[in-house]
């Protein structure tokens, strides 16, 4: 069974990815399918980190 995934993406990002895929002889759909399969298989990992929150003193130290 085949299903459809619909999501929103910035136009400029989509165009850039489509152009890169085309330069490699692939369709954007194939790139998305390969990325989804790799993520599901565990061969790529997407790390999501919490946003760091520093107090004023630490921010000033980091700026230096």
PDB file of N, CA and C in Angstrom:
ATOM      1  N   UNK A   1       0.836  -1.177   0.000  1.00  0.00           N
ATOM      2  CA  UNK A   1       0.000   0.000   0.000  1.00  0.00           C
ATOM      3  C   UNK A   1       0.887   1.248   0.000  1.00  0.00           C
ATOM      4  N   UNK A   2       0.539   2.218  -0.764  1.00  0.00           N
ATOM      5  CA  UNK A   2       1.274   3.478  -0.837  1.00  0.00           C
ATOM      6  C   UNK A   2       0.382   4.570  -0.273  1.00  0.00           C
ATOM      7  N   UNK A   3       0.973   5.459   0.507  1.00  0.00           N
ATOM      8  CA  UNK A   3       0.235   6.571   1.090  1.00  0.00           C
ATOM      9  C   UNK A   3       0.889   7.883   0.698  1.00  0.00           C
ATOM     10  N   UNK A   4       0.229   8.957   0.962  1.00  0.00           N
ATOM     11  CA  UNK A   4       0.726  10.277   0.594  1.00  0.00           C
ATOM     12  C   UNK A   4       1.012  11.074   1.858  1.00  0.00           C
ATOM     13  N   UNK A   5       2.145  11.783   1.865  1.00  0.00           N
ATOM     14  CA  UNK A   5       2.499  12.663   2.980  1.00  0.00           C
ATOM     15  C   UNK A   5       2.481  14.092   2.462  1.00  0.00           C
ATOM     16  N   UNK A   6       1.773  14.944   3.149  1.00  0.00           N
ATOM     17  CA  UNK A   6       1.682  16.340   2.758  1.00  0.00           C
ATOM     18  C   UNK A   6       2.186  17.190   3.921  1.00  0.00           C
ATOM     19  N   UNK A   7       3.120  18.108   3.636  1.00  0.00           N
ATOM     20  CA  UNK A   7       3.632  18.991   4.674  1.00  0.00           C
ATOM     21  C   UNK A   7       3.992  20.319   4.051  1.00  0.00           C
ATOM     22  N   UNK A   8       4.130  21.307   4.883  1.00  0.00           N
ATOM     23  CA  UNK A   8       4.462  22.661   4.419  1.00  0.00           C
ATOM     24  C   UNK A   8       5.963  22.889   4.573  1.00  0.00           C
ATOM     25  N   UNK A   9       6.527  23.575   3.584  1.00  0.00           N
ATOM     26  CA  UNK A   9       7.956  23.871   3.579  1.00  0.00           C
ATOM     27  C   UNK A   9       8.142  25.232   2.907  1.00  0.00           C
ATOM     28  N   UNK A  10       9.156  25.964   3.311  1.00  0.00           N
ATOM     29  CA  UNK A  10       9.417  27.267   2.702  1.00  0.00           C
ATOM     30  C   UNK A  10       9.715  27.091   1.215  1.00  0.00           C
ATOM     31  N   UNK A  11       9.159  27.976   0.411  1.00  0.00           N
ATOM     32  CA  UNK A  11       9.304  27.879  -1.038  1.00  0.00           C
ATOM     33  C   UNK A  11      10.772  27.881  -1.466  1.00  0.00           C
ATOM     34  N   UNK A  12      11.566  28.768  -0.860  1.00  0.00           N
ATOM     35  CA  UNK A  12      12.977  28.867  -1.255  1.00  0.00           C
ATOM     36  C   UNK A  12      13.738  27.578  -0.928  1.00  0.00           C
ATOM     37  N   UNK A  13      13.410  26.951   0.203  1.00  0.00           N
ATOM     38  CA  UNK A  13      14.064  25.695   0.579  1.00  0.00           C
ATOM     39  C   UNK A  13      13.679  24.580  -0.384  1.00  0.00           C
ATOM     40  N   UNK A  14      12.396  24.511  -0.737  1.00  0.00           N
ATOM     41  CA  UNK A  14      11.925  23.497  -1.678  1.00  0.00           C
ATOM     42  C   UNK A  14      12.613  23.663  -3.034  1.00  0.00           C
ATOM     43  N   UNK A  15      12.668  24.898  -3.516  1.00  0.00           N
ATOM     44  CA  UNK A  15      13.292  25.145  -4.819  1.00  0.00           C
ATOM     45  C   UNK A  15      14.766  24.771  -4.815  1.00  0.00           C
ATOM     46  N   UNK A  16      15.456  25.101  -3.724  1.00  0.00           N
ATOM     47  CA  UNK A  16      16.881  24.775  -3.610  1.00  0.00           C
ATOM     48  C   UNK A  16      17.088  23.257  -3.601  1.00  0.00           C
ATOM     49  N   UNK A  17      16.251  22.553  -2.845  1.00  0.00           N
ATOM     50  CA  UNK A  17      16.361  21.094  -2.770  1.00  0.00           C
ATOM     51  C   UNK A  17      16.007  20.443  -4.102  1.00  0.00           C
ATOM     52  N   UNK A  18      14.982  20.955  -4.764  1.00  0.00           N
ATOM     53  CA  UNK A  18      14.592  20.402  -6.064  1.00  0.00           C
ATOM     54  C   UNK A  18      15.700  20.583  -7.096  1.00  0.00           C
ATOM     55  N   UNK A  19      16.339  21.756  -7.071  1.00  0.00           N
ATOM     56  CA  UNK A  19      17.417  22.030  -8.017  1.00  0.00           C
ATOM     57  C   UNK A  19      18.602  21.095  -7.764  1.00  0.00           C
ATOM     58  N   UNK A  20      18.936  20.909  -6.498  1.00  0.00           N
ATOM     59  CA  UNK A  20      20.044  20.024  -6.154  1.00  0.00           C
ATOM     60  C   UNK A  20      19.736  18.586  -6.562  1.00  0.00           C
ATOM     61  N   UNK A  21      18.510  18.141  -6.317  1.00  0.00           N
ATOM     62  CA  UNK A  21      18.104  16.788  -6.709  1.00  0.00           C
ATOM     63  C   UNK A  21      18.192  16.627  -8.226  1.00  0.00           C
ATOM     64  N   UNK A  22      17.698  17.625  -8.946  1.00  0.00           N
ATOM     65  CA  UNK A  22      17.721  17.572 -10.403  1.00  0.00           C
ATOM     66  C   UNK A  22      19.155  17.503 -10.931  1.00  0.00           C
ATOM     67  N   UNK A  23      20.060  18.245 -10.310  1.00  0.00           N
ATOM     68  CA  UNK A  23      21.468  18.217 -10.729  1.00  0.00           C
ATOM     69  C   UNK A  23      22.086  16.843 -10.525  1.00  0.00           C
ATOM     70  N   UNK A  24      21.551  16.072  -9.595  1.00  0.00           N
ATOM     71  CA  UNK A  24      22.045  14.721  -9.344  1.00  0.00           C
ATOM     72  C   UNK A  24      21.243  13.670 -10.111  1.00  0.00           C
ATOM     73  N   UNK A  25      20.298  14.130 -10.944  1.00  0.00           N
ATOM     74  CA  UNK A  25      19.510  13.212 -11.769  1.00  0.00           C
ATOM     75  C   UNK A  25      18.372  12.537 -11.012  1.00  0.00           C
ATOM     76  N   UNK A  26      17.924  13.149  -9.930  1.00  0.00           N
ATOM     77  CA  UNK A  26      16.851  12.584  -9.123  1.00  0.00           C
ATOM     78  C   UNK A  26      15.672  13.541  -9.079  1.00  0.00           C
ATOM     79  N   UNK A  27      14.504  12.986  -8.824  1.00  0.00           N
ATOM     80  CA  UNK A  27      13.363  13.852  -8.565  1.00  0.00           C
ATOM     81  C   UNK A  27      13.344  14.177  -7.075  1.00  0.00           C
ATOM     82  N   UNK A  28      12.676  15.253  -6.732  1.00  0.00           N
ATOM     83  CA  UNK A  28      12.568  15.645  -5.332  1.00  0.00           C
ATOM     84  C   UNK A  28      11.819  14.567  -4.542  1.00  0.00           C
ATOM     85  N   UNK A  29      10.834  13.950  -5.164  1.00  0.00           N
ATOM     86  CA  UNK A  29      10.082  12.884  -4.512  1.00  0.00           C
ATOM     87  C   UNK A  29      10.968  11.713  -4.121  1.00  0.00           C
ATOM     88  N   UNK A  30      11.895  11.357  -4.996  1.00  0.00           N
ATOM     89  CA  UNK A  30      12.820  10.256  -4.700  1.00  0.00           C
ATOM     90  C   UNK A  30      13.709  10.622  -3.517  1.00  0.00           C
ATOM     91  N   UNK A  31      14.180  11.866  -3.482  1.00  0.00           N
ATOM     92  CA  UNK A  31      15.016  12.317  -2.364  1.00  0.00           C
ATOM     93  C   UNK A  31      14.247  12.194  -1.054  1.00  0.00           C
ATOM     94  N   UNK A  32      12.984  12.633  -1.049  1.00  0.00           N
ATOM     95  CA  UNK A  32      12.172  12.547   0.163  1.00  0.00           C
ATOM     96  C   UNK A  32      11.928  11.097   0.578  1.00  0.00           C
ATOM     97  N   UNK A  33      11.680  10.229  -0.401  1.00  0.00           N
ATOM     98  CA  UNK A  33      11.471   8.803  -0.097  1.00  0.00           C
ATOM     99  C   UNK A  33      12.739   8.185   0.493  1.00  0.00           C
ATOM    100  N   UNK A  34      13.890   8.494  -0.090  1.00  0.00           N
ATOM    101  CA  UNK A  34      15.155   7.949   0.412  1.00  0.00           C
ATOM    102  C   UNK A  34      15.466   8.457   1.813  1.00  0.00           C
ATOM    103  N   UNK A  35      15.215   9.734   2.052  1.00  0.00           N
ATOM    104  CA  UNK A  35      15.469  10.308   3.372  1.00  0.00           C
ATOM    105  C   UNK A  35      14.537   9.694   4.413  1.00  0.00           C
ATOM    106  N   UNK A  36      13.277   9.507   4.054  1.00  0.00           N
ATOM    107  CA  UNK A  36      12.318   8.898   4.977  1.00  0.00           C
ATOM    108  C   UNK A  36      12.708   7.465   5.293  1.00  0.00           C
ATOM    109  N   UNK A  37      13.115   6.709   4.270  1.00  0.00           N
ATOM    110  CA  UNK A  37      13.532   5.322   4.487  1.00  0.00           C
ATOM    111  C   UNK A  37      14.770   5.255   5.375  1.00  0.00           C
ATOM    112  N   UNK A  38      15.753   6.124   5.113  1.00  0.00           N
ATOM    113  CA  UNK A  38      16.977   6.140   5.915  1.00  0.00           C
ATOM    114  C   UNK A  38      16.666   6.493   7.367  1.00  0.00           C
ATOM    115  N   UNK A  39      15.765   7.434   7.594  1.00  0.00           N
ATOM    116  CA  UNK A  39      15.384   7.810   8.949  1.00  0.00           C
ATOM    117  C   UNK A  39      14.685   6.649   9.644  1.00  0.00           C
ATOM    118  N   UNK A  40      13.775   5.997   8.947  1.00  0.00           N
ATOM    119  CA  UNK A  40      13.042   4.865   9.521  1.00  0.00           C
ATOM    120  C   UNK A  40      13.974   3.695   9.818  1.00  0.00           C
ATOM    121  N   UNK A  41      14.971   3.470   8.957  1.00  0.00           N
ATOM    122  CA  UNK A  41      15.928   2.374   9.143  1.00  0.00           C
ATOM    123  C   UNK A  41      16.998   2.689  10.183  1.00  0.00           C
ATOM    124  N   UNK A  42      17.106   3.953  10.560  1.00  0.00           N
ATOM    125  CA  UNK A  42      18.100   4.346  11.548  1.00  0.00           C
ATOM    126  C   UNK A  42      19.459   4.658  10.970  1.00  0.00           C
ATOM    127  N   UNK A  43      19.552   4.822   9.655  1.00  0.00           N
ATOM    128  CA  UNK A  43      20.850   5.126   9.051  1.00  0.00           C
ATOM    129  C   UNK A  43      21.151   6.620   9.046  1.00  0.00           C
ATOM    130  N   UNK A  44      20.140   7.447   9.299  1.00  0.00           N
ATOM    131  CA  UNK A  44      20.375   8.863   9.557  1.00  0.00           C
ATOM    132  C   UNK A  44      19.633   9.217  10.838  1.00  0.00           C
ATOM    133  N   UNK A  45      20.155  10.197  11.530  1.00  0.00           N
ATOM    134  CA  UNK A  45      19.549  10.603  12.791  1.00  0.00           C
ATOM    135  C   UNK A  45      19.355  12.113  12.773  1.00  0.00           C
ATOM    136  N   UNK A  46      18.212  12.538  13.212  1.00  0.00           N
ATOM    137  CA  UNK A  46      17.914  13.961  13.289  1.00  0.00           C
ATOM    138  C   UNK A  46      17.922  14.328  14.759  1.00  0.00           C
ATOM    139  N   UNK A  47      18.877  15.159  15.149  1.00  0.00           N
ATOM    140  CA  UNK A  47      18.974  15.554  16.545  1.00  0.00           C
ATOM    141  C   UNK A  47      18.181  16.822  16.806  1.00  0.00           C
ATOM    142  N   UNK A  48      17.407  16.796  17.835  1.00  0.00           N
ATOM    143  CA  UNK A  48      16.648  17.977  18.239  1.00  0.00           C
ATOM    144  C   UNK A  48      17.111  18.335  19.638  1.00  0.00           C
ATOM    145  N   UNK A  49      17.681  19.528  19.756  1.00  0.00           N
ATOM    146  CA  UNK A  49      18.214  19.969  21.035  1.00  0.00           C
ATOM    147  C   UNK A  49      17.336  21.056  21.620  1.00  0.00           C
ATOM    148  N   UNK A  50      17.175  21.052  22.922  1.00  0.00           N
ATOM    149  CA  UNK A  50      16.402  22.137  23.532  1.00  0.00           C
ATOM    150  C   UNK A  50      17.160  23.453  23.398  1.00  0.00           C
ATOM    151  N   UNK A  51      16.417  24.527  23.286  1.00  0.00           N
ATOM    152  CA  UNK A  51      17.036  25.842  23.185  1.00  0.00           C
ATOM    153  C   UNK A  51      17.698  26.187  24.508  1.00  0.00           C
ATOM    154  N   UNK A  52      18.960  26.596  24.419  1.00  0.00           N
ATOM    155  CA  UNK A  52      19.690  26.941  25.632  1.00  0.00           C
ATOM    156  C   UNK A  52      19.260  28.323  26.110  1.00  0.00           C
ATOM    157  N   UNK A  53      19.118  28.442  27.395  1.00  0.00           N
ATOM    158  CA  UNK A  53      18.711  29.706  27.986  1.00  0.00           C
ATOM    159  C   UNK A  53      19.773  30.111  29.010  1.00  0.00           C
ATOM    160  N   UNK A  54      20.432  31.226  28.745  1.00  0.00           N
ATOM    161  CA  UNK A  54      21.479  31.695  29.627  1.00  0.00           C
ATOM    162  C   UNK A  54      21.027  32.956  30.361  1.00  0.00           C
ATOM    163  N   UNK A  55      21.564  33.137  31.557  1.00  0.00           N
ATOM    164  CA  UNK A  55      21.280  34.378  32.262  1.00  0.00           C
ATOM    165  C   UNK A  55      22.160  35.488  31.670  1.00  0.00           C
ATOM    166  N   UNK A  56      21.908  36.710  32.078  1.00  0.00           N
ATOM    167  CA  UNK A  56      22.597  37.864  31.496  1.00  0.00           C
ATOM    168  C   UNK A  56      24.118  37.769  31.651  1.00  0.00           C
ATOM    169  N   UNK A  57      24.599  37.365  32.818  1.00  0.00           N
ATOM    170  CA  UNK A  57      26.034  37.278  33.067  1.00  0.00           C
ATOM    171  C   UNK A  57      26.694  36.258  32.131  1.00  0.00           C
ATOM    172  N   UNK A  58      26.071  35.101  31.955  1.00  0.00           N
ATOM    173  CA  UNK A  58      26.625  34.072  31.075  1.00  0.00           C
ATOM    174  C   UNK A  58      26.623  34.535  29.623  1.00  0.00           C
ATOM    175  N   UNK A  59      25.543  35.200  29.198  1.00  0.00           N
ATOM    176  CA  UNK A  59      25.496  35.725  27.829  1.00  0.00           C
ATOM    177  C   UNK A  59      26.624  36.703  27.573  1.00  0.00           C
ATOM    178  N   UNK A  60      26.901  37.559  28.530  1.00  0.00           N
ATOM    179  CA  UNK A  60      27.992  38.532  28.388  1.00  0.00           C
ATOM    180  C   UNK A  60      29.347  37.824  28.289  1.00  0.00           C
ATOM    181  N   UNK A  61      29.539  36.785  29.082  1.00  0.00           N
ATOM    182  CA  UNK A  61      30.784  36.021  29.038  1.00  0.00           C
ATOM    183  C   UNK A  61      30.949  35.327  27.692  1.00  0.00           C
ATOM    184  N   UNK A  62      29.877  34.776  27.164  1.00  0.00           N
ATOM    185  CA  UNK A  62      29.947  34.094  25.872  1.00  0.00           C
ATOM    186  C   UNK A  62      30.236  35.062  24.737  1.00  0.00           C
ATOM    187  N   UNK A  63      29.723  36.271  24.830  1.00  0.00           N
ATOM    188  CA  UNK A  63      29.981  37.278  23.806  1.00  0.00           C
ATOM    189  C   UNK A  63      31.438  37.662  23.734  1.00  0.00           C
ATOM    190  N   UNK A  64      32.124  37.600  24.900  1.00  0.00           N
ATOM    191  CA  UNK A  64      33.557  37.943  24.949  1.00  0.00           C
ATOM    192  C   UNK A  64      34.319  36.849  24.283  1.00  0.00           C
TER     193      UNK A  64
END
